[in-house]
């Protein structure tokens, strides 16, 4: 079942790259008591994700934070090393928390998985963006297959 507005973010572990190496981080640590924009991409270093999705959030991170957002985070079904390398490649710096969901457990818990096995890419995440306040989803924008409108940074910014 797909997560919806009003639902709580499931309590799980994800991975984040740090200067000291990979670190486990709980969704409770990310979301509890905070206003968070979380966007998901089908894969790091993929065309739309690298050319538009992540760059849009990097460019709009300050504007989102000016609207009361505590954390802007990106999640993908990639390993922590790939997410760390992608963050460096995209100059995400400290503006975007890059979350690795290597086995798609978080993505599947949200019901937002995407089966790309036939295309040799395995299980991935659908492209979406959500806003959560204190762990509860207040806005959820899931893209139609191949779409890139409702989950882009400018759309989320306009909805805050």
C-alpha atoms as a PDB file:
ATOM      1  CA  UNK A   1       0.000   0.000   0.000  1.00  0.00           C
ATOM      2  CA  UNK A   2       1.299   3.442  -0.910  1.00  0.00           C
ATOM      3  CA  UNK A   3       1.918   6.032   1.780  1.00  0.00           C
ATOM      4  CA  UNK A   4      -0.496   8.952   1.698  1.00  0.00           C
ATOM      5  CA  UNK A   5      -0.993  12.379   3.234  1.00  0.00           C
ATOM      6  CA  UNK A   6      -1.606  11.970   6.970  1.00  0.00           C
ATOM      7  CA  UNK A   7       0.477   8.801   7.257  1.00  0.00           C
ATOM      8  CA  UNK A   8       3.644   8.600   9.325  1.00  0.00           C
ATOM      9  CA  UNK A   9       7.053   7.979   7.809  1.00  0.00           C
ATOM     10  CA  UNK A  10       8.033   4.413   8.792  1.00  0.00           C
ATOM     11  CA  UNK A  11      10.740   4.031  11.415  1.00  0.00           C
ATOM     12  CA  UNK A  12      13.696   2.530   9.550  1.00  0.00           C
ATOM     13  CA  UNK A  13      17.411   2.858   8.923  1.00  0.00           C
ATOM     14  CA  UNK A  14      19.041   4.443   5.878  1.00  0.00           C
ATOM     15  CA  UNK A  15      22.672   5.207   5.100  1.00  0.00           C
ATOM     16  CA  UNK A  16      24.375   8.565   4.609  1.00  0.00           C
ATOM     17  CA  UNK A  17      27.909   9.310   3.449  1.00  0.00           C
ATOM     18  CA  UNK A  18      29.961  11.389   5.871  1.00  0.00           C
ATOM     19  CA  UNK A  19      33.554  12.628   5.961  1.00  0.00           C
ATOM     20  CA  UNK A  20      34.226   9.720   8.333  1.00  0.00           C
ATOM     21  CA  UNK A  21      32.670   7.144   6.002  1.00  0.00           C
ATOM     22  CA  UNK A  22      29.197   5.582   5.745  1.00  0.00           C
ATOM     23  CA  UNK A  23      26.867   6.169   8.683  1.00  0.00           C
ATOM     24  CA  UNK A  24      23.525   4.628   9.547  1.00  0.00           C
ATOM     25  CA  UNK A  25      20.770   7.142  10.204  1.00  0.00           C
ATOM     26  CA  UNK A  26      17.221   6.499  11.373  1.00  0.00           C
ATOM     27  CA  UNK A  27      14.182   8.034   9.787  1.00  0.00           C
ATOM     28  CA  UNK A  28      13.198   9.129  13.297  1.00  0.00           C
ATOM     29  CA  UNK A  29      16.418  11.154  13.498  1.00  0.00           C
ATOM     30  CA  UNK A  30      15.692  12.729  10.105  1.00  0.00           C
ATOM     31  CA  UNK A  31      11.990  13.516  10.551  1.00  0.00           C
ATOM     32  CA  UNK A  32      11.104  13.773  14.266  1.00  0.00           C
ATOM     33  CA  UNK A  33      10.291  17.346  15.282  1.00  0.00           C
ATOM     34  CA  UNK A  34      11.289  18.718  11.880  1.00  0.00           C
ATOM     35  CA  UNK A  35       9.796  19.912   8.629  1.00  0.00           C
ATOM     36  CA  UNK A  36      11.445  17.855   5.892  1.00  0.00           C
ATOM     37  CA  UNK A  37      11.272  17.846   2.119  1.00  0.00           C
ATOM     38  CA  UNK A  38      12.203  14.397   0.844  1.00  0.00           C
ATOM     39  CA  UNK A  39      12.523  13.754  -2.856  1.00  0.00           C
ATOM     40  CA  UNK A  40      13.268  10.442  -4.505  1.00  0.00           C
ATOM     41  CA  UNK A  41      14.915   9.639  -7.780  1.00  0.00           C
ATOM     42  CA  UNK A  42      15.040   6.363  -9.714  1.00  0.00           C
ATOM     43  CA  UNK A  43      18.833   6.455  -9.683  1.00  0.00           C
ATOM     44  CA  UNK A  44      21.921   8.517  -9.068  1.00  0.00           C
ATOM     45  CA  UNK A  45      23.782   9.607 -12.191  1.00  0.00           C
ATOM     46  CA  UNK A  46      20.748   8.937 -14.408  1.00  0.00           C
ATOM     47  CA  UNK A  47      19.799  11.600 -16.996  1.00  0.00           C
ATOM     48  CA  UNK A  48      16.766  13.424 -15.544  1.00  0.00           C
ATOM     49  CA  UNK A  49      17.936  12.909 -11.981  1.00  0.00           C
ATOM     50  CA  UNK A  50      21.348  14.459 -12.666  1.00  0.00           C
ATOM     51  CA  UNK A  51      20.330  17.137 -15.157  1.00  0.00           C
ATOM     52  CA  UNK A  52      17.160  18.413 -13.469  1.00  0.00           C
ATOM     53  CA  UNK A  53      15.877  16.806 -10.262  1.00  0.00           C
ATOM     54  CA  UNK A  54      18.820  17.037  -7.853  1.00  0.00           C
ATOM     55  CA  UNK A  55      20.144  20.320  -9.348  1.00  0.00           C
ATOM     56  CA  UNK A  56      16.733  21.940  -8.853  1.00  0.00           C
ATOM     57  CA  UNK A  57      16.769  21.118  -5.147  1.00  0.00           C
ATOM     58  CA  UNK A  58      20.385  22.228  -4.766  1.00  0.00           C
ATOM     59  CA  UNK A  59      19.494  25.585  -6.378  1.00  0.00           C
ATOM     60  CA  UNK A  60      16.328  25.988  -4.283  1.00  0.00           C
ATOM     61  CA  UNK A  61      17.574  24.660  -0.924  1.00  0.00           C
ATOM     62  CA  UNK A  62      17.922  28.121   0.626  1.00  0.00           C
ATOM     63  CA  UNK A  63      14.469  29.175  -0.591  1.00  0.00           C
ATOM     64  CA  UNK A  64      12.944  25.993   0.863  1.00  0.00           C
ATOM     65  CA  UNK A  65      14.695  26.596   4.179  1.00  0.00           C
ATOM     66  CA  UNK A  66      13.436  30.192   4.146  1.00  0.00           C
ATOM     67  CA  UNK A  67       9.905  28.712   4.098  1.00  0.00           C
ATOM     68  CA  UNK A  68      10.540  26.777   7.307  1.00  0.00           C
ATOM     69  CA  UNK A  69      12.025  23.552   5.948  1.00  0.00           C
ATOM     70  CA  UNK A  70      14.651  22.147   8.319  1.00  0.00           C
ATOM     71  CA  UNK A  71      16.033  19.452   6.032  1.00  0.00           C
ATOM     72  CA  UNK A  72      16.020  18.791   2.301  1.00  0.00           C
ATOM     73  CA  UNK A  73      16.845  15.158   1.585  1.00  0.00           C
ATOM     74  CA  UNK A  74      17.267  13.019  -1.498  1.00  0.00           C
ATOM     75  CA  UNK A  75      16.762   9.256  -1.409  1.00  0.00           C
ATOM     76  CA  UNK A  76      17.602   6.695  -4.062  1.00  0.00           C
ATOM     77  CA  UNK A  77      17.939   2.945  -4.295  1.00  0.00           C
ATOM     78  CA  UNK A  78      21.701   3.164  -4.600  1.00  0.00           C
ATOM     79  CA  UNK A  79      24.497   2.337  -2.193  1.00  0.00           C
ATOM     80  CA  UNK A  80      25.962   4.952   0.125  1.00  0.00           C
ATOM     81  CA  UNK A  81      29.175   5.263  -1.896  1.00  0.00           C
ATOM     82  CA  UNK A  82      27.275   6.055  -5.088  1.00  0.00           C
ATOM     83  CA  UNK A  83      25.146   8.629  -3.243  1.00  0.00           C
ATOM     84  CA  UNK A  84      28.281  10.221  -1.789  1.00  0.00           C
ATOM     85  CA  UNK A  85      29.975  10.394  -5.196  1.00  0.00           C
ATOM     86  CA  UNK A  86      26.813  11.803  -6.790  1.00  0.00           C
ATOM     87  CA  UNK A  87      26.563  14.489  -4.089  1.00  0.00           C
ATOM     88  CA  UNK A  88      30.145  15.557  -4.862  1.00  0.00           C
ATOM     89  CA  UNK A  89      29.532  15.462  -8.629  1.00  0.00           C
ATOM     90  CA  UNK A  90      26.428  17.644  -8.225  1.00  0.00           C
ATOM     91  CA  UNK A  91      27.932  20.052  -5.649  1.00  0.00           C
ATOM     92  CA  UNK A  92      25.141  19.208  -3.203  1.00  0.00           C
ATOM     93  CA  UNK A  93      27.374  20.167  -0.266  1.00  0.00           C
ATOM     94  CA  UNK A  94      25.518  20.457   3.015  1.00  0.00           C
ATOM     95  CA  UNK A  95      22.341  21.726   1.357  1.00  0.00           C
ATOM     96  CA  UNK A  96      20.960  18.252   0.576  1.00  0.00           C
ATOM     97  CA  UNK A  97      21.070  15.192   2.821  1.00  0.00           C
ATOM     98  CA  UNK A  98      21.833  12.293   0.479  1.00  0.00           C
ATOM     99  CA  UNK A  99      20.186   9.090   1.683  1.00  0.00           C
ATOM    100  CA  UNK A 100      21.035   5.621   0.401  1.00  0.00           C
ATOM    101  CA  UNK A 101      18.295   2.984   0.383  1.00  0.00           C
ATOM    102  CA  UNK A 102      20.511   0.281  -1.077  1.00  0.00           C
ATOM    103  CA  UNK A 103      18.116  -2.661  -0.721  1.00  0.00           C
ATOM    104  CA  UNK A 104      14.961  -0.585  -1.414  1.00  0.00           C
ATOM    105  CA  UNK A 105      13.556  -1.422   2.019  1.00  0.00           C
ATOM    106  CA  UNK A 106      12.483   2.162   2.770  1.00  0.00           C
ATOM    107  CA  UNK A 107      11.127   2.636  -0.740  1.00  0.00           C
ATOM    108  CA  UNK A 108       9.105  -0.575  -0.512  1.00  0.00           C
ATOM    109  CA  UNK A 109       7.834   0.375   2.977  1.00  0.00           C
ATOM    110  CA  UNK A 110       6.442   3.573   1.404  1.00  0.00           C
ATOM    111  CA  UNK A 111       4.893   1.540  -1.415  1.00  0.00           C
ATOM    112  CA  UNK A 112       6.731   3.653  -3.983  1.00  0.00           C
ATOM    113  CA  UNK A 113       8.985   1.029  -5.544  1.00  0.00           C
ATOM    114  CA  UNK A 114       9.474   0.789  -9.291  1.00  0.00           C
ATOM    115  CA  UNK A 115      10.251  -2.539 -10.972  1.00  0.00           C
ATOM    116  CA  UNK A 116      12.958  -1.911 -13.562  1.00  0.00           C
ATOM    117  CA  UNK A 117      14.242  -5.488 -13.540  1.00  0.00           C
ATOM    118  CA  UNK A 118      13.307  -5.980 -17.209  1.00  0.00           C
ATOM    119  CA  UNK A 119      15.586  -3.022 -18.053  1.00  0.00           C
ATOM    120  CA  UNK A 120      18.488  -4.399 -16.011  1.00  0.00           C
ATOM    121  CA  UNK A 121      18.165  -1.814 -13.234  1.00  0.00           C
ATOM    122  CA  UNK A 122      16.494  -3.899 -10.527  1.00  0.00           C
ATOM    123  CA  UNK A 123      14.131  -2.386  -7.998  1.00  0.00           C
ATOM    124  CA  UNK A 124      14.205   1.408  -7.902  1.00  0.00           C
ATOM    125  CA  UNK A 125      12.119   4.228  -6.476  1.00  0.00           C
ATOM    126  CA  UNK A 126       9.396   6.047  -8.283  1.00  0.00           C
ATOM    127  CA  UNK A 127      10.155   9.729  -8.747  1.00  0.00           C
ATOM    128  CA  UNK A 128       8.359  11.705  -6.022  1.00  0.00           C
ATOM    129  CA  UNK A 129       8.663  14.485  -3.490  1.00  0.00           C
ATOM    130  CA  UNK A 130       6.982  14.747  -0.125  1.00  0.00           C
ATOM    131  CA  UNK A 131       6.778  17.181   2.739  1.00  0.00           C
ATOM    132  CA  UNK A 132       6.603  15.787   6.256  1.00  0.00           C
ATOM    133  CA  UNK A 133       6.114  17.638   9.511  1.00  0.00           C
ATOM    134  CA  UNK A 134       7.193  15.813  12.662  1.00  0.00           C
ATOM    135  CA  UNK A 135       7.169  12.555  10.694  1.00  0.00           C
ATOM    136  CA  UNK A 136       3.681  12.952   9.201  1.00  0.00           C
ATOM    137  CA  UNK A 137       3.254  13.374   5.459  1.00  0.00           C
ATOM    138  CA  UNK A 138       1.549  16.699   4.679  1.00  0.00           C
ATOM    139  CA  UNK A 139       2.161  16.718   0.927  1.00  0.00           C
ATOM    140  CA  UNK A 140       2.939  13.882  -1.503  1.00  0.00           C
ATOM    141  CA  UNK A 141       3.623  14.382  -5.193  1.00  0.00           C
ATOM    142  CA  UNK A 142       4.271  11.196  -7.183  1.00  0.00           C
ATOM    143  CA  UNK A 143       5.203  11.505 -10.837  1.00  0.00           C
ATOM    144  CA  UNK A 144       3.440   9.652 -13.621  1.00  0.00           C
ATOM    145  CA  UNK A 145       5.824   7.234 -15.380  1.00  0.00           C
ATOM    146  CA  UNK A 146       8.397   9.269 -17.280  1.00  0.00           C
ATOM    147  CA  UNK A 147       7.093  12.550 -15.822  1.00  0.00           C
ATOM    148  CA  UNK A 148       8.970  15.394 -14.195  1.00  0.00           C
ATOM    149  CA  UNK A 149       6.573  18.110 -13.033  1.00  0.00           C
ATOM    150  CA  UNK A 150       4.997  17.509  -9.622  1.00  0.00           C
ATOM    151  CA  UNK A 151       8.174  16.416  -7.804  1.00  0.00           C
ATOM    152  CA  UNK A 152      10.508  19.192  -8.921  1.00  0.00           C
ATOM    153  CA  UNK A 153      11.811  21.715  -6.408  1.00  0.00           C
ATOM    154  CA  UNK A 154       9.896  24.646  -7.866  1.00  0.00           C
ATOM    155  CA  UNK A 155       6.582  22.782  -7.481  1.00  0.00           C
ATOM    156  CA  UNK A 156       7.311  21.888  -3.854  1.00  0.00           C
ATOM    157  CA  UNK A 157       8.458  25.437  -3.112  1.00  0.00           C
ATOM    158  CA  UNK A 158       5.248  26.849  -4.583  1.00  0.00           C
ATOM    159  CA  UNK A 159       3.185  24.485  -2.396  1.00  0.00           C
ATOM    160  CA  UNK A 160       4.763  25.543   0.907  1.00  0.00           C
END
